[in-house]
């Protein structure tokens, strides 16, 4: 019986964030062949790390862009907090849908 082991990956100890865990779950449940290929080639953790970093950067960039487009400033936060929360939640949901379609569920 051969003793098969995977080589150590520098990304294995990386604590996956929200987007990396979502991508992992998607691969396990809906793209099993891609998941197995990445796992066997020892590229799974690198892939999840890259997805996590890319999504986080894209989230921050798009949140800033959408907030500027909607003219949402910090003064609104102090003047009308509930309106600010409502608009920021709408922007957050929109940005996450873009990220999910673009990076997670592709």
PDB file of N, CA and C in Angstrom:
ATOM      1  N   UNK A   1       0.844  -1.174   0.000  1.00  0.00           N
ATOM      2  CA  UNK A   1       0.000   0.000   0.000  1.00  0.00           C
ATOM      3  C   UNK A   1       0.892   1.241   0.000  1.00  0.00           C
ATOM      4  N   UNK A   2       0.786   2.088  -0.984  1.00  0.00           N
ATOM      5  CA  UNK A   2       1.637   3.283  -1.017  1.00  0.00           C
ATOM      6  C   UNK A   2       1.190   4.302   0.037  1.00  0.00           C
ATOM      7  N   UNK A   3       2.146   5.029   0.526  1.00  0.00           N
ATOM      8  CA  UNK A   3       1.882   6.070   1.513  1.00  0.00           C
ATOM      9  C   UNK A   3       1.844   7.411   0.784  1.00  0.00           C
ATOM     10  N   UNK A   4       0.648   7.828   0.357  1.00  0.00           N
ATOM     11  CA  UNK A   4       0.482   9.055  -0.409  1.00  0.00           C
ATOM     12  C   UNK A   4       0.251  10.232   0.533  1.00  0.00           C
ATOM     13  N   UNK A   5       1.004  11.286   0.321  1.00  0.00           N
ATOM     14  CA  UNK A   5       0.805  12.511   1.095  1.00  0.00           C
ATOM     15  C   UNK A   5       0.936  13.699   0.163  1.00  0.00           C
ATOM     16  N   UNK A   6       0.309  14.794   0.560  1.00  0.00           N
ATOM     17  CA  UNK A   6       0.425  16.033  -0.205  1.00  0.00           C
ATOM     18  C   UNK A   6       1.619  16.829   0.291  1.00  0.00           C
ATOM     19  N   UNK A   7       2.270  17.502  -0.627  1.00  0.00           N
ATOM     20  CA  UNK A   7       3.381  18.359  -0.239  1.00  0.00           C
ATOM     21  C   UNK A   7       2.841  19.547   0.572  1.00  0.00           C
ATOM     22  N   UNK A   8       3.666  20.048   1.451  1.00  0.00           N
ATOM     23  CA  UNK A   8       3.259  21.190   2.262  1.00  0.00           C
ATOM     24  C   UNK A   8       3.085  22.419   1.370  1.00  0.00           C
ATOM     25  N   UNK A   9       2.068  23.198   1.666  1.00  0.00           N
ATOM     26  CA  UNK A   9       1.788  24.414   0.915  1.00  0.00           C
ATOM     27  C   UNK A   9       1.939  25.601   1.851  1.00  0.00           C
ATOM     28  N   UNK A  10       2.507  26.685   1.345  1.00  0.00           N
ATOM     29  CA  UNK A  10       2.676  27.867   2.193  1.00  0.00           C
ATOM     30  C   UNK A  10       1.328  28.525   2.489  1.00  0.00           C
ATOM     31  N   UNK A  11       0.295  28.169   1.745  1.00  0.00           N
ATOM     32  CA  UNK A  11      -1.028  28.753   1.941  1.00  0.00           C
ATOM     33  C   UNK A  11      -1.900  27.932   2.890  1.00  0.00           C
ATOM     34  N   UNK A  12      -1.448  26.756   3.263  1.00  0.00           N
ATOM     35  CA  UNK A  12      -2.261  25.869   4.092  1.00  0.00           C
ATOM     36  C   UNK A  12      -2.587  26.495   5.452  1.00  0.00           C
ATOM     37  N   UNK A  13      -1.680  27.256   6.010  1.00  0.00           N
ATOM     38  CA  UNK A  13      -1.894  27.874   7.316  1.00  0.00           C
ATOM     39  C   UNK A  13      -2.618  29.210   7.217  1.00  0.00           C
ATOM     40  N   UNK A  14      -2.921  29.656   6.019  1.00  0.00           N
ATOM     41  CA  UNK A  14      -3.648  30.910   5.831  1.00  0.00           C
ATOM     42  C   UNK A  14      -5.080  30.735   6.328  1.00  0.00           C
ATOM     43  N   UNK A  15      -5.525  31.649   7.168  1.00  0.00           N
ATOM     44  CA  UNK A  15      -6.888  31.613   7.694  1.00  0.00           C
ATOM     45  C   UNK A  15      -7.827  32.170   6.620  1.00  0.00           C
ATOM     46  N   UNK A  16      -8.634  31.303   6.021  1.00  0.00           N
ATOM     47  CA  UNK A  16      -9.529  31.724   4.959  1.00  0.00           C
ATOM     48  C   UNK A  16     -10.574  32.693   5.477  1.00  0.00           C
ATOM     49  N   UNK A  17     -10.854  33.696   4.681  1.00  0.00           N
ATOM     50  CA  UNK A  17     -11.901  34.639   5.014  1.00  0.00           C
ATOM     51  C   UNK A  17     -13.238  34.177   4.446  1.00  0.00           C
ATOM     52  N   UNK A  18     -14.183  35.055   4.478  1.00  0.00           N
ATOM     53  CA  UNK A  18     -15.548  34.755   4.038  1.00  0.00           C
ATOM     54  C   UNK A  18     -15.580  34.244   2.599  1.00  0.00           C
ATOM     55  N   UNK A  19     -14.903  34.949   1.716  1.00  0.00           N
ATOM     56  CA  UNK A  19     -14.976  34.615   0.296  1.00  0.00           C
ATOM     57  C   UNK A  19     -14.228  33.328  -0.033  1.00  0.00           C
ATOM     58  N   UNK A  20     -13.111  33.085   0.624  1.00  0.00           N
ATOM     59  CA  UNK A  20     -12.389  31.831   0.421  1.00  0.00           C
ATOM     60  C   UNK A  20     -13.202  30.635   0.872  1.00  0.00           C
ATOM     61  N   UNK A  21     -13.884  30.765   2.012  1.00  0.00           N
ATOM     62  CA  UNK A  21     -14.726  29.669   2.505  1.00  0.00           C
ATOM     63  C   UNK A  21     -15.928  29.446   1.600  1.00  0.00           C
ATOM     64  N   UNK A  22     -16.495  30.529   1.073  1.00  0.00           N
ATOM     65  CA  UNK A  22     -17.633  30.386   0.158  1.00  0.00           C
ATOM     66  C   UNK A  22     -17.205  29.679  -1.124  1.00  0.00           C
ATOM     67  N   UNK A  23     -16.031  30.037  -1.635  1.00  0.00           N
ATOM     68  CA  UNK A  23     -15.518  29.399  -2.859  1.00  0.00           C
ATOM     69  C   UNK A  23     -15.250  27.917  -2.608  1.00  0.00           C
ATOM     70  N   UNK A  24     -14.660  27.592  -1.449  1.00  0.00           N
ATOM     71  CA  UNK A  24     -14.399  26.204  -1.103  1.00  0.00           C
ATOM     72  C   UNK A  24     -15.699  25.409  -1.040  1.00  0.00           C
ATOM     73  N   UNK A  25     -16.703  25.960  -0.402  1.00  0.00           N
ATOM     74  CA  UNK A  25     -18.000  25.294  -0.296  1.00  0.00           C
ATOM     75  C   UNK A  25     -18.620  25.092  -1.681  1.00  0.00           C
ATOM     76  N   UNK A  26     -18.527  26.103  -2.536  1.00  0.00           N
ATOM     77  CA  UNK A  26     -19.060  25.992  -3.889  1.00  0.00           C
ATOM     78  C   UNK A  26     -18.335  24.896  -4.680  1.00  0.00           C
ATOM     79  N   UNK A  27     -17.015  24.880  -4.579  1.00  0.00           N
ATOM     80  CA  UNK A  27     -16.256  23.859  -5.300  1.00  0.00           C
ATOM     81  C   UNK A  27     -16.613  22.456  -4.815  1.00  0.00           C
ATOM     82  N   UNK A  28     -16.713  22.272  -3.511  1.00  0.00           N
ATOM     83  CA  UNK A  28     -17.026  20.957  -2.953  1.00  0.00           C
ATOM     84  C   UNK A  28     -18.404  20.472  -3.372  1.00  0.00           C
ATOM     85  N   UNK A  29     -19.371  21.379  -3.430  1.00  0.00           N
ATOM     86  CA  UNK A  29     -20.750  20.970  -3.681  1.00  0.00           C
ATOM     87  C   UNK A  29     -21.159  20.977  -5.151  1.00  0.00           C
ATOM     88  N   UNK A  30     -20.564  21.849  -5.965  1.00  0.00           N
ATOM     89  CA  UNK A  30     -21.045  21.998  -7.340  1.00  0.00           C
ATOM     90  C   UNK A  30     -19.989  21.784  -8.417  1.00  0.00           C
ATOM     91  N   UNK A  31     -18.729  21.856  -8.076  1.00  0.00           N
ATOM     92  CA  UNK A  31     -17.642  21.670  -9.047  1.00  0.00           C
ATOM     93  C   UNK A  31     -16.647  20.652  -8.505  1.00  0.00           C
ATOM     94  N   UNK A  32     -17.136  19.454  -8.276  1.00  0.00           N
ATOM     95  CA  UNK A  32     -16.324  18.427  -7.616  1.00  0.00           C
ATOM     96  C   UNK A  32     -15.066  18.072  -8.408  1.00  0.00           C
ATOM     97  N   UNK A  33     -15.180  18.017  -9.714  1.00  0.00           N
ATOM     98  CA  UNK A  33     -14.012  17.675 -10.530  1.00  0.00           C
ATOM     99  C   UNK A  33     -12.931  18.747 -10.399  1.00  0.00           C
ATOM    100  N   UNK A  34     -13.335  20.015 -10.467  1.00  0.00           N
ATOM    101  CA  UNK A  34     -12.368  21.104 -10.318  1.00  0.00           C
ATOM    102  C   UNK A  34     -11.744  21.093  -8.920  1.00  0.00           C
ATOM    103  N   UNK A  35     -12.562  20.811  -7.918  1.00  0.00           N
ATOM    104  CA  UNK A  35     -12.076  20.719  -6.541  1.00  0.00           C
ATOM    105  C   UNK A  35     -11.028  19.617  -6.412  1.00  0.00           C
ATOM    106  N   UNK A  36     -11.312  18.446  -6.958  1.00  0.00           N
ATOM    107  CA  UNK A  36     -10.387  17.312  -6.856  1.00  0.00           C
ATOM    108  C   UNK A  36      -9.093  17.600  -7.608  1.00  0.00           C
ATOM    109  N   UNK A  37      -9.208  18.208  -8.787  1.00  0.00           N
ATOM    110  CA  UNK A  37      -8.001  18.539  -9.564  1.00  0.00           C
ATOM    111  C   UNK A  37      -7.124  19.517  -8.797  1.00  0.00           C
ATOM    112  N   UNK A  38      -7.726  20.578  -8.265  1.00  0.00           N
ATOM    113  CA  UNK A  38      -6.951  21.550  -7.490  1.00  0.00           C
ATOM    114  C   UNK A  38      -6.328  20.895  -6.252  1.00  0.00           C
ATOM    115  N   UNK A  39      -7.083  20.044  -5.599  1.00  0.00           N
ATOM    116  CA  UNK A  39      -6.582  19.371  -4.406  1.00  0.00           C
ATOM    117  C   UNK A  39      -5.423  18.445  -4.734  1.00  0.00           C
ATOM    118  N   UNK A  40      -5.565  17.653  -5.773  1.00  0.00           N
ATOM    119  CA  UNK A  40      -4.521  16.686  -6.128  1.00  0.00           C
ATOM    120  C   UNK A  40      -3.270  17.382  -6.669  1.00  0.00           C
ATOM    121  N   UNK A  41      -3.437  18.517  -7.330  1.00  0.00           N
ATOM    122  CA  UNK A  41      -2.281  19.266  -7.817  1.00  0.00           C
ATOM    123  C   UNK A  41      -1.663  20.136  -6.725  1.00  0.00           C
ATOM    124  N   UNK A  42      -2.227  20.069  -5.521  1.00  0.00           N
ATOM    125  CA  UNK A  42      -1.768  20.851  -4.374  1.00  0.00           C
ATOM    126  C   UNK A  42      -1.870  22.356  -4.632  1.00  0.00           C
ATOM    127  N   UNK A  43      -2.917  22.757  -5.344  1.00  0.00           N
ATOM    128  CA  UNK A  43      -3.134  24.166  -5.657  1.00  0.00           C
ATOM    129  C   UNK A  43      -4.423  24.699  -5.048  1.00  0.00           C
ATOM    130  N   UNK A  44      -5.109  23.884  -4.272  1.00  0.00           N
ATOM    131  CA  UNK A  44      -6.397  24.290  -3.717  1.00  0.00           C
ATOM    132  C   UNK A  44      -6.251  25.478  -2.777  1.00  0.00           C
ATOM    133  N   UNK A  45      -5.327  25.396  -1.826  1.00  0.00           N
ATOM    134  CA  UNK A  45      -5.180  26.473  -0.844  1.00  0.00           C
ATOM    135  C   UNK A  45      -4.672  27.761  -1.490  1.00  0.00           C
ATOM    136  N   UNK A  46      -3.807  27.626  -2.492  1.00  0.00           N
ATOM    137  CA  UNK A  46      -3.341  28.801  -3.219  1.00  0.00           C
ATOM    138  C   UNK A  46      -4.511  29.461  -3.943  1.00  0.00           C
ATOM    139  N   UNK A  47      -5.343  28.655  -4.584  1.00  0.00           N
ATOM    140  CA  UNK A  47      -6.523  29.158  -5.297  1.00  0.00           C
ATOM    141  C   UNK A  47      -7.468  29.874  -4.329  1.00  0.00           C
ATOM    142  N   UNK A  48      -7.751  29.257  -3.192  1.00  0.00           N
ATOM    143  CA  UNK A  48      -8.661  29.861  -2.212  1.00  0.00           C
ATOM    144  C   UNK A  48      -8.077  31.144  -1.630  1.00  0.00           C
ATOM    145  N   UNK A  49      -6.782  31.151  -1.390  1.00  0.00           N
ATOM    146  CA  UNK A  49      -6.115  32.352  -0.886  1.00  0.00           C
ATOM    147  C   UNK A  49      -6.241  33.495  -1.896  1.00  0.00           C
ATOM    148  N   UNK A  50      -5.967  33.197  -3.154  1.00  0.00           N
ATOM    149  CA  UNK A  50      -6.047  34.227  -4.193  1.00  0.00           C
ATOM    150  C   UNK A  50      -7.468  34.754  -4.355  1.00  0.00           C
ATOM    151  N   UNK A  51      -8.452  33.869  -4.340  1.00  0.00           N
ATOM    152  CA  UNK A  51      -9.849  34.287  -4.439  1.00  0.00           C
ATOM    153  C   UNK A  51     -10.211  35.189  -3.263  1.00  0.00           C
ATOM    154  N   UNK A  52      -9.804  34.800  -2.069  1.00  0.00           N
ATOM    155  CA  UNK A  52     -10.120  35.560  -0.866  1.00  0.00           C
ATOM    156  C   UNK A  52      -9.539  36.974  -0.938  1.00  0.00           C
ATOM    157  N   UNK A  53      -8.283  37.080  -1.328  1.00  0.00           N
ATOM    158  CA  UNK A  53      -7.614  38.381  -1.424  1.00  0.00           C
ATOM    159  C   UNK A  53      -8.247  39.233  -2.522  1.00  0.00           C
ATOM    160  N   UNK A  54      -8.469  38.654  -3.696  1.00  0.00           N
ATOM    161  CA  UNK A  54      -9.066  39.384  -4.813  1.00  0.00           C
ATOM    162  C   UNK A  54     -10.456  39.910  -4.455  1.00  0.00           C
ATOM    163  N   UNK A  55     -11.259  39.065  -3.841  1.00  0.00           N
ATOM    164  CA  UNK A  55     -12.626  39.467  -3.486  1.00  0.00           C
ATOM    165  C   UNK A  55     -12.625  40.573  -2.447  1.00  0.00           C
ATOM    166  N   UNK A  56     -11.730  40.486  -1.470  1.00  0.00           N
ATOM    167  CA  UNK A  56     -11.666  41.517  -0.434  1.00  0.00           C
ATOM    168  C   UNK A  56     -11.257  42.859  -1.036  1.00  0.00           C
ATOM    169  N   UNK A  57     -10.283  42.844  -1.929  1.00  0.00           N
ATOM    170  CA  UNK A  57      -9.852  44.078  -2.600  1.00  0.00           C
ATOM    171  C   UNK A  57     -10.980  44.644  -3.462  1.00  0.00           C
ATOM    172  N   UNK A  58     -11.643  43.775  -4.213  1.00  0.00           N
ATOM    173  CA  UNK A  58     -12.737  44.216  -5.063  1.00  0.00           C
ATOM    174  C   UNK A  58     -13.887  44.767  -4.219  1.00  0.00           C
ATOM    175  N   UNK A  59     -14.169  44.144  -3.079  1.00  0.00           N
ATOM    176  CA  UNK A  59     -15.228  44.611  -2.184  1.00  0.00           C
ATOM    177  C   UNK A  59     -14.931  46.025  -1.696  1.00  0.00           C
ATOM    178  N   UNK A  60     -13.722  46.242  -1.208  1.00  0.00           N
ATOM    179  CA  UNK A  60     -13.350  47.570  -0.709  1.00  0.00           C
ATOM    180  C   UNK A  60     -13.409  48.620  -1.809  1.00  0.00           C
ATOM    181  N   UNK A  61     -12.904  48.285  -2.985  1.00  0.00           N
ATOM    182  CA  UNK A  61     -12.903  49.225  -4.106  1.00  0.00           C
ATOM    183  C   UNK A  61     -14.329  49.580  -4.532  1.00  0.00           C
ATOM    184  N   UNK A  62     -15.175  48.558  -4.711  1.00  0.00           N
ATOM    185  CA  UNK A  62     -16.539  48.807  -5.164  1.00  0.00           C
ATOM    186  C   UNK A  62     -17.369  49.534  -4.114  1.00  0.00           C
ATOM    187  N   UNK A  63     -17.161  49.231  -2.838  1.00  0.00           N
ATOM    188  CA  UNK A  63     -17.892  49.946  -1.784  1.00  0.00           C
ATOM    189  C   UNK A  63     -17.583  51.436  -1.845  1.00  0.00           C
ATOM    190  N   UNK A  64     -16.312  51.750  -2.007  1.00  0.00           N
ATOM    191  CA  UNK A  64     -15.905  53.154  -2.091  1.00  0.00           C
ATOM    192  C   UNK A  64     -16.499  53.821  -3.330  1.00  0.00           C
ATOM    193  N   UNK A  65     -16.450  53.129  -4.468  1.00  0.00           N
ATOM    194  CA  UNK A  65     -16.970  53.690  -5.711  1.00  0.00           C
ATOM    195  C   UNK A  65     -18.475  53.929  -5.639  1.00  0.00           C
ATOM    196  N   UNK A  66     -19.219  52.943  -5.145  1.00  0.00           N
ATOM    197  CA  UNK A  66     -20.668  53.080  -5.050  1.00  0.00           C
ATOM    198  C   UNK A  66     -21.063  54.160  -4.054  1.00  0.00           C
ATOM    199  N   UNK A  67     -20.339  54.258  -2.936  1.00  0.00           N
ATOM    200  CA  UNK A  67     -20.642  55.289  -1.937  1.00  0.00           C
ATOM    201  C   UNK A  67     -20.406  56.676  -2.517  1.00  0.00           C
ATOM    202  N   UNK A  68     -19.335  56.844  -3.275  1.00  0.00           N
ATOM    203  CA  UNK A  68     -19.077  58.138  -3.922  1.00  0.00           C
ATOM    204  C   UNK A  68     -20.139  58.441  -4.967  1.00  0.00           C
ATOM    205  N   UNK A  69     -20.531  57.441  -5.723  1.00  0.00           N
ATOM    206  CA  UNK A  69     -21.552  57.636  -6.758  1.00  0.00           C
ATOM    207  C   UNK A  69     -22.887  58.040  -6.148  1.00  0.00           C
ATOM    208  N   UNK A  70     -23.234  57.442  -5.007  1.00  0.00           N
ATOM    209  CA  UNK A  70     -24.498  57.750  -4.325  1.00  0.00           C
ATOM    210  C   UNK A  70     -24.376  58.986  -3.425  1.00  0.00           C
ATOM    211  N   UNK A  71     -23.190  59.583  -3.400  1.00  0.00           N
ATOM    212  CA  UNK A  71     -22.927  60.789  -2.612  1.00  0.00           C
ATOM    213  C   UNK A  71     -23.188  60.550  -1.123  1.00  0.00           C
ATOM    214  N   UNK A  72     -22.697  59.433  -0.615  1.00  0.00           N
ATOM    215  CA  UNK A  72     -22.842  59.094   0.796  1.00  0.00           C
ATOM    216  C   UNK A  72     -21.552  59.495   1.508  1.00  0.00           C
ATOM    217  N   UNK A  73     -21.677  60.479   2.384  1.00  0.00           N
ATOM    218  CA  UNK A  73     -20.522  61.018   3.103  1.00  0.00           C
ATOM    219  C   UNK A  73     -20.644  60.722   4.594  1.00  0.00           C
ATOM    220  N   UNK A  74     -19.551  60.945   5.315  1.00  0.00           N
ATOM    221  CA  UNK A  74     -19.536  60.721   6.757  1.00  0.00           C
ATOM    222  C   UNK A  74     -20.472  61.683   7.486  1.00  0.00           C
ATOM    223  N   UNK A  75     -20.699  62.856   6.930  1.00  0.00           N
ATOM    224  CA  UNK A  75     -21.611  63.812   7.583  1.00  0.00           C
ATOM    225  C   UNK A  75     -23.044  63.278   7.593  1.00  0.00           C
ATOM    226  N   UNK A  76     -23.402  62.483   6.593  1.00  0.00           N
ATOM    227  CA  UNK A  76     -24.726  61.858   6.574  1.00  0.00           C
ATOM    228  C   UNK A  76     -24.856  60.878   7.734  1.00  0.00           C
ATOM    229  N   UNK A  77     -23.747  60.249   8.063  1.00  0.00           N
ATOM    230  CA  UNK A  77     -23.746  59.285   9.160  1.00  0.00           C
ATOM    231  C   UNK A  77     -24.108  59.958  10.488  1.00  0.00           C
ATOM    232  N   UNK A  78     -23.628  61.164  10.695  1.00  0.00           N
ATOM    233  CA  UNK A  78     -23.935  61.868  11.946  1.00  0.00           C
ATOM    234  C   UNK A  78     -25.281  62.585  11.887  1.00  0.00           C
ATOM    235  N   UNK A  79     -25.705  63.020  10.701  1.00  0.00           N
ATOM    236  CA  UNK A  79     -26.965  63.750  10.573  1.00  0.00           C
ATOM    237  C   UNK A  79     -28.184  62.829  10.519  1.00  0.00           C
ATOM    238  N   UNK A  80     -28.100  61.765   9.731  1.00  0.00           N
ATOM    239  CA  UNK A  80     -29.234  60.867   9.553  1.00  0.00           C
ATOM    240  C   UNK A  80     -28.702  59.435   9.516  1.00  0.00           C
ATOM    241  N   UNK A  81     -28.468  58.889  10.689  1.00  0.00           N
ATOM    242  CA  UNK A  81     -27.795  57.600  10.803  1.00  0.00           C
ATOM    243  C   UNK A  81     -28.585  56.461  10.161  1.00  0.00           C
ATOM    244  N   UNK A  82     -29.885  56.438  10.338  1.00  0.00           N
ATOM    245  CA  UNK A  82     -30.683  55.343   9.769  1.00  0.00           C
ATOM    246  C   UNK A  82     -30.663  55.349   8.247  1.00  0.00           C
ATOM    247  N   UNK A  83     -30.711  56.507   7.631  1.00  0.00           N
ATOM    248  CA  UNK A  83     -30.632  56.606   6.174  1.00  0.00           C
ATOM    249  C   UNK A  83     -29.259  56.139   5.695  1.00  0.00           C
ATOM    250  N   UNK A  84     -28.209  56.527   6.432  1.00  0.00           N
ATOM    251  CA  UNK A  84     -26.861  56.121   6.073  1.00  0.00           C
ATOM    252  C   UNK A  84     -26.735  54.592   6.136  1.00  0.00           C
ATOM    253  N   UNK A  85     -27.241  53.979   7.202  1.00  0.00           N
ATOM    254  CA  UNK A  85     -27.188  52.526   7.357  1.00  0.00           C
ATOM    255  C   UNK A  85     -27.959  51.843   6.235  1.00  0.00           C
ATOM    256  N   UNK A  86     -29.130  52.372   5.920  1.00  0.00           N
ATOM    257  CA  UNK A  86     -29.958  51.799   4.865  1.00  0.00           C
ATOM    258  C   UNK A  86     -29.223  51.830   3.525  1.00  0.00           C
ATOM    259  N   UNK A  87     -28.638  52.969   3.192  1.00  0.00           N
ATOM    260  CA  UNK A  87     -27.943  53.088   1.904  1.00  0.00           C
ATOM    261  C   UNK A  87     -26.673  52.242   1.863  1.00  0.00           C
ATOM    262  N   UNK A  88     -25.945  52.193   2.963  1.00  0.00           N
ATOM    263  CA  UNK A  88     -24.723  51.385   2.988  1.00  0.00           C
ATOM    264  C   UNK A  88     -25.040  49.894   2.903  1.00  0.00           C
ATOM    265  N   UNK A  89     -26.116  49.453   3.533  1.00  0.00           N
ATOM    266  CA  UNK A  89     -26.519  48.050   3.423  1.00  0.00           C
ATOM    267  C   UNK A  89     -26.931  47.706   1.996  1.00  0.00           C
ATOM    268  N   UNK A  90     -27.622  48.616   1.338  1.00  0.00           N
ATOM    269  CA  UNK A  90     -28.006  48.408  -0.059  1.00  0.00           C
ATOM    270  C   UNK A  90     -26.765  48.291  -0.940  1.00  0.00           C
ATOM    271  N   UNK A  91     -25.804  49.164  -0.719  1.00  0.00           N
ATOM    272  CA  UNK A  91     -24.558  49.128  -1.489  1.00  0.00           C
ATOM    273  C   UNK A  91     -23.799  47.831  -1.208  1.00  0.00           C
ATOM    274  N   UNK A  92     -23.714  47.442   0.053  1.00  0.00           N
ATOM    275  CA  UNK A  92     -22.999  46.213   0.433  1.00  0.00           C
ATOM    276  C   UNK A  92     -23.621  44.996  -0.249  1.00  0.00           C
ATOM    277  N   UNK A  93     -24.943  44.914  -0.237  1.00  0.00           N
ATOM    278  CA  UNK A  93     -25.619  43.779  -0.880  1.00  0.00           C
ATOM    279  C   UNK A  93     -25.372  43.763  -2.382  1.00  0.00           C
ATOM    280  N   UNK A  94     -25.396  44.927  -2.999  1.00  0.00           N
ATOM    281  CA  UNK A  94     -25.142  45.029  -4.436  1.00  0.00           C
ATOM    282  C   UNK A  94     -23.717  44.591  -4.772  1.00  0.00           C
ATOM    283  N   UNK A  95     -22.760  45.084  -3.994  1.00  0.00           N
ATOM    284  CA  UNK A  95     -21.354  44.752  -4.230  1.00  0.00           C
ATOM    285  C   UNK A  95     -21.121  43.259  -4.035  1.00  0.00           C
ATOM    286  N   UNK A  96     -21.709  42.683  -3.001  1.00  0.00           N
ATOM    287  CA  UNK A  96     -21.505  41.253  -2.771  1.00  0.00           C
ATOM    288  C   UNK A  96     -22.121  40.409  -3.876  1.00  0.00           C
ATOM    289  N   UNK A  97     -23.255  40.816  -4.410  1.00  0.00           N
ATOM    290  CA  UNK A  97     -23.832  40.078  -5.541  1.00  0.00           C
ATOM    291  C   UNK A  97     -22.903  40.120  -6.744  1.00  0.00           C
ATOM    292  N   UNK A  98     -22.278  41.262  -6.988  1.00  0.00           N
ATOM    293  CA  UNK A  98     -21.320  41.382  -8.094  1.00  0.00           C
ATOM    294  C   UNK A  98     -20.146  40.434  -7.867  1.00  0.00           C
ATOM    295  N   UNK A  99     -19.612  40.422  -6.649  1.00  0.00           N
ATOM    296  CA  UNK A  99     -18.472  39.566  -6.330  1.00  0.00           C
ATOM    297  C   UNK A  99     -18.845  38.092  -6.435  1.00  0.00           C
ATOM    298  N   UNK A 100     -20.018  37.737  -5.928  1.00  0.00           N
ATOM    299  CA  UNK A 100     -20.442  36.339  -5.988  1.00  0.00           C
ATOM    300  C   UNK A 100     -20.517  35.851  -7.427  1.00  0.00           C
ATOM    301  N   UNK A 101     -21.118  36.641  -8.289  1.00  0.00           N
ATOM    302  CA  UNK A 101     -21.255  36.242  -9.693  1.00  0.00           C
ATOM    303  C   UNK A 101     -19.920  36.235 -10.417  1.00  0.00           C
ATOM    304  N   UNK A 102     -19.049  37.183 -10.076  1.00  0.00           N
ATOM    305  CA  UNK A 102     -17.795  37.349 -10.799  1.00  0.00           C
ATOM    306  C   UNK A 102     -16.705  36.381 -10.343  1.00  0.00           C
ATOM    307  N   UNK A 103     -16.620  36.112  -9.053  1.00  0.00           N
ATOM    308  CA  UNK A 103     -15.492  35.343  -8.532  1.00  0.00           C
ATOM    309  C   UNK A 103     -15.881  34.009  -7.875  1.00  0.00           C
ATOM    310  N   UNK A 104     -16.948  33.993  -7.102  1.00  0.00           N
ATOM    311  CA  UNK A 104     -17.258  32.819  -6.292  1.00  0.00           C
ATOM    312  C   UNK A 104     -17.965  31.740  -7.108  1.00  0.00           C
ATOM    313  N   UNK A 105     -19.026  32.110  -7.804  1.00  0.00           N
ATOM    314  CA  UNK A 105     -19.860  31.124  -8.499  1.00  0.00           C
ATOM    315  C   UNK A 105     -19.586  31.056  -9.984  1.00  0.00           C
ATOM    316  N   UNK A 106     -18.346  31.155 -10.379  1.00  0.00           N
ATOM    317  CA  UNK A 106     -18.014  31.075 -11.808  1.00  0.00           C
ATOM    318  C   UNK A 106     -17.533  29.704 -12.168  1.00  0.00           C
TER     319      UNK A 106
END
